[in-house]
Amino acid sequence: MLNINTTNHKRVNVTLPPQTLKLIDKVTEKGDRSRLIDEAVRFYVKEIGYSNLRKRIREGALMRSSRDLELAEEWFALDNEA
């Protein structure tokens, strides 16, 4: 869990649909909405970051796959000669 220092917080005005507020209130104690929203946003951003990183790694690997296969075949041939 996060250790939140309230002196470093900024007040913002956010509008949410009533259904979203009901969901938040179902899983938080009174006065704890900010903590839940903070944790949810941090989790979401972290997951999106991981997802984007995985996507970029996969795309890069696919772009370089033929070059990497050729290099591996060259090294395999050299290894067999030795």
C-alpha atoms as a PDB file:
ATOM      1  CA  MET A   1       0.000   0.000   0.000  1.00  0.00           C
ATOM      2  CA  LEU A   2       1.037   3.573  -0.611  1.00  0.00           C
ATOM      3  CA  ASN A   3       2.190   5.789   2.219  1.00  0.00           C
ATOM      4  CA  ILE A   4       0.440   9.035   1.362  1.00  0.00           C
ATOM      5  CA  ASN A   5       1.670  12.295   2.868  1.00  0.00           C
ATOM      6  CA  THR A   6      -1.316  14.658   2.759  1.00  0.00           C
ATOM      7  CA  THR A   7       0.885  17.759   2.721  1.00  0.00           C
ATOM      8  CA  ASN A   8       1.941  16.894  -0.847  1.00  0.00           C
ATOM      9  CA  HIS A   9      -1.587  16.560  -2.232  1.00  0.00           C
ATOM     10  CA  LYS A  10      -3.325  18.977  -4.556  1.00  0.00           C
ATOM     11  CA  ARG A  11      -7.072  19.381  -4.609  1.00  0.00           C
ATOM     12  CA  VAL A  12      -8.682  18.851  -8.015  1.00  0.00           C
ATOM     13  CA  ASN A  13     -12.243  18.905  -9.208  1.00  0.00           C
ATOM     14  CA  VAL A  14     -13.248  15.683 -10.965  1.00  0.00           C
ATOM     15  CA  THR A  15     -16.700  14.811 -12.204  1.00  0.00           C
ATOM     16  CA  LEU A  16     -17.785  11.183 -12.272  1.00  0.00           C
ATOM     17  CA  PRO A  17     -21.030   9.474 -13.205  1.00  0.00           C
ATOM     18  CA  PRO A  18     -23.236   8.541 -10.234  1.00  0.00           C
ATOM     19  CA  GLN A  19     -22.718   4.825 -10.996  1.00  0.00           C
ATOM     20  CA  THR A  20     -18.952   5.247 -10.646  1.00  0.00           C
ATOM     21  CA  LEU A  21     -19.342   6.984  -7.294  1.00  0.00           C
ATOM     22  CA  LYS A  22     -21.574   4.153  -6.100  1.00  0.00           C
ATOM     23  CA  LEU A  23     -18.888   1.628  -7.083  1.00  0.00           C
ATOM     24  CA  ILE A  24     -16.201   3.643  -5.285  1.00  0.00           C
ATOM     25  CA  ASP A  25     -18.319   3.945  -2.171  1.00  0.00           C
ATOM     26  CA  LYS A  26     -18.975   0.181  -2.164  1.00  0.00           C
ATOM     27  CA  VAL A  27     -15.277  -0.618  -1.838  1.00  0.00           C
ATOM     28  CA  THR A  28     -13.991   2.279   0.274  1.00  0.00           C
ATOM     29  CA  GLU A  29     -14.595   3.566   3.737  1.00  0.00           C
ATOM     30  CA  LYS A  30     -16.084   6.998   4.236  1.00  0.00           C
ATOM     31  CA  GLY A  31     -13.582   9.706   3.314  1.00  0.00           C
ATOM     32  CA  ASP A  32     -11.272   7.308   1.478  1.00  0.00           C
ATOM     33  CA  ARG A  33     -12.252   8.032  -2.137  1.00  0.00           C
ATOM     34  CA  SER A  34      -9.056   9.939  -2.917  1.00  0.00           C
ATOM     35  CA  ARG A  35      -6.839   7.044  -1.876  1.00  0.00           C
ATOM     36  CA  LEU A  36      -8.778   4.590  -4.045  1.00  0.00           C
ATOM     37  CA  ILE A  37      -8.723   6.893  -7.066  1.00  0.00           C
ATOM     38  CA  ASP A  38      -4.993   7.516  -6.583  1.00  0.00           C
ATOM     39  CA  GLU A  39      -4.238   3.790  -6.419  1.00  0.00           C
ATOM     40  CA  ALA A  40      -6.515   3.028  -9.373  1.00  0.00           C
ATOM     41  CA  VAL A  41      -4.881   5.657 -11.577  1.00  0.00           C
ATOM     42  CA  ARG A  42      -1.367   4.511 -10.632  1.00  0.00           C
ATOM     43  CA  PHE A  43      -2.290   0.877 -11.356  1.00  0.00           C
ATOM     44  CA  TYR A  44      -3.894   1.775 -14.683  1.00  0.00           C
ATOM     45  CA  VAL A  45      -0.929   3.852 -15.845  1.00  0.00           C
ATOM     46  CA  LYS A  46       1.517   1.135 -14.783  1.00  0.00           C
ATOM     47  CA  GLU A  47      -0.440  -1.547 -16.668  1.00  0.00           C
ATOM     48  CA  ILE A  48      -0.738   0.614 -19.792  1.00  0.00           C
ATOM     49  CA  GLY A  49       3.004   1.265 -19.611  1.00  0.00           C
ATOM     50  CA  TYR A  50       3.750  -2.478 -19.402  1.00  0.00           C
ATOM     51  CA  SER A  51       1.333  -3.193 -22.212  1.00  0.00           C
ATOM     52  CA  ASN A  52       2.922  -0.571 -24.469  1.00  0.00           C
ATOM     53  CA  LEU A  53       6.411  -1.848 -23.645  1.00  0.00           C
ATOM     54  CA  ARG A  54       5.435  -5.444 -24.467  1.00  0.00           C
ATOM     55  CA  LYS A  55       3.901  -4.247 -27.737  1.00  0.00           C
ATOM     56  CA  ARG A  56       7.057  -2.310 -28.727  1.00  0.00           C
ATOM     57  CA  ILE A  57       9.307  -5.255 -27.820  1.00  0.00           C
ATOM     58  CA  ARG A  58       7.158  -7.653 -29.849  1.00  0.00           C
ATOM     59  CA  GLU A  59       7.089  -5.293 -32.861  1.00  0.00           C
ATOM     60  CA  GLY A  60      10.872  -4.807 -32.690  1.00  0.00           C
ATOM     61  CA  ALA A  61      11.502  -8.528 -32.466  1.00  0.00           C
ATOM     62  CA  LEU A  62       9.309  -9.144 -35.508  1.00  0.00           C
ATOM     63  CA  MET A  63      11.069  -6.399 -37.488  1.00  0.00           C
ATOM     64  CA  ARG A  64      14.504  -7.867 -36.687  1.00  0.00           C
ATOM     65  CA  SER A  65      13.577 -11.553 -36.866  1.00  0.00           C
ATOM     66  CA  SER A  66      15.022 -12.285 -40.318  1.00  0.00           C
ATOM     67  CA  ARG A  67      18.283 -10.479 -39.485  1.00  0.00           C
ATOM     68  CA  ASP A  68      18.552 -12.340 -36.168  1.00  0.00           C
ATOM     69  CA  LEU A  69      17.909 -15.688 -37.861  1.00  0.00           C
ATOM     70  CA  GLU A  70      20.633 -14.988 -40.437  1.00  0.00           C
ATOM     71  CA  LEU A  71      23.109 -14.070 -37.680  1.00  0.00           C
ATOM     72  CA  ALA A  72      22.266 -17.221 -35.732  1.00  0.00           C
ATOM     73  CA  GLU A  73      22.772 -19.361 -38.849  1.00  0.00           C
ATOM     74  CA  GLU A  74      26.152 -17.693 -39.507  1.00  0.00           C
ATOM     75  CA  TRP A  75      27.303 -18.301 -35.937  1.00  0.00           C
ATOM     76  CA  PHE A  76      26.031 -21.866 -36.047  1.00  0.00           C
ATOM     77  CA  ALA A  77      28.086 -22.508 -39.182  1.00  0.00           C
ATOM     78  CA  LEU A  78      31.190 -20.964 -37.589  1.00  0.00           C
ATOM     79  CA  ASP A  79      30.669 -22.988 -34.441  1.00  0.00           C
ATOM     80  CA  ASN A  80      30.462 -26.213 -36.481  1.00  0.00           C
ATOM     81  CA  GLU A  81      33.731 -25.343 -38.270  1.00  0.00           C
ATOM     82  CA  ALA A  82      35.522 -24.921 -34.948  1.00  0.00           C
END
